[in-house]
Amino acid sequence: MLPTSETSSSTAPVAHPRAPARPGVLRAAAGVLATVFAAACAAGPNEESSIRRGDEAFAVGKYDEALAEYRLAVRQGADDAATLARVAHTYARLERVDDAATFYAEAIADDSSFVDQAVADLMRMADHARVRRDRFAMATAVERALRLRPGLGVTEMSLDLARHYFQTGEYGRALPFYETALVEASDSATGEILFEVGQAYEEIDDCQHALLYFERFRATSRPRDFGEVDWHIGTCGFNLAREIRSGADVPDEELDRALGLIDRTLELGEPRRLQAQAWFEKGLILAELGDCTGAMEALRRVGTADNAGALADRALAIFDEIRFGRGLEYLRGGRCR
């Protein structure tokens, strides 16, 4: 049997900060540990000796020695769930996330009662990794815990997890964690998170949602901080407007929405490189809506914007078509075409 210290503070699982909502996790984990360490009596002579030596080493914090003994017991044939859980628990003490998760998976395959202990250990490792700013290890531990218990609360880690997935280019995985982080964020942190959420949506080509977050960020920002977010709003608005207009048989209400997006790009004046194209796009939208005068004015403005280039000539050609009619083929249903 293990010393008293082993079955108390040295083995008590550290639950995630939200664990109070799940008190059964800690109680179950304590019971599981009692089962794990009591199981040595059921092993054969050689395995029992290895497990006993492992328990003694674990009790005094010699986790490497304990691991060697437990692994020896497994090689000698003690591959029952309790011994595998011993190996996993020791790997957890050594902060070796993948190894702990692998051995817990083997133990759970034989005895599902080890789930609570596995989740407690994985979340403890995740929290330790968060403190030392090792986001990769944190995310790995949380992922393995969520496989065992989907829906597990990870509130305090949400922002770190979101930023980990954002930085690794997994924007879709980042978004649910960002949404959770927004709920818990302080007022001082909310603006920064809003901007990051907008960027994540933009990266997955969802400008409609991205614009909502960019505009919310801008509404809470100082004018001197508008530069970057205006660039994103202008870019997303332009791309979304052009996507709407280029569809087949676009209804007027959608064209009106596209016009509003283009007007926002022009109002902000960002990105500067897109201003000529934005005036051109506005001219086409107004022509589709039958506002010939407005379309001509927008097309005229193309040549006054920076980097107009050959686009100014195209705008002038369409301007002339609207102005001079070129016959009834350009006036279908009262539209400027």
Foldseek 3Di string as FASTA:
>chain_A
DAPPQVLPDLQQFAAAPVCVVPVVLRVLLSVLLVVLLVCLVVDDPQLSVLQVQLRHCSSVPNLVSSLVSLVVSVVVPPLALSSLQSNLSSCLVVLNQVSNLVSNVSSCVRPVSCLSNLLSSLCSSLVVCVVVVVLVSNLSSVVSNCVSPPPDDDLVCLQSNLVVCVVVVNLVVSQVSLVSPLVVDDPVCNLVSLQVNLVSCVSVVNLVVSLVSLVVSVVPDDPVPCVPSLQSLLVSLQVVLVVQVPDPPRDLVSLVSNLVSLVSNCVSCYPLLCNLVSLQSNLVSCLQVLNLVSSLVSLCCSVVGPPSPCVNVVSVVLSCCQVVVPDCVCQPPNGRD
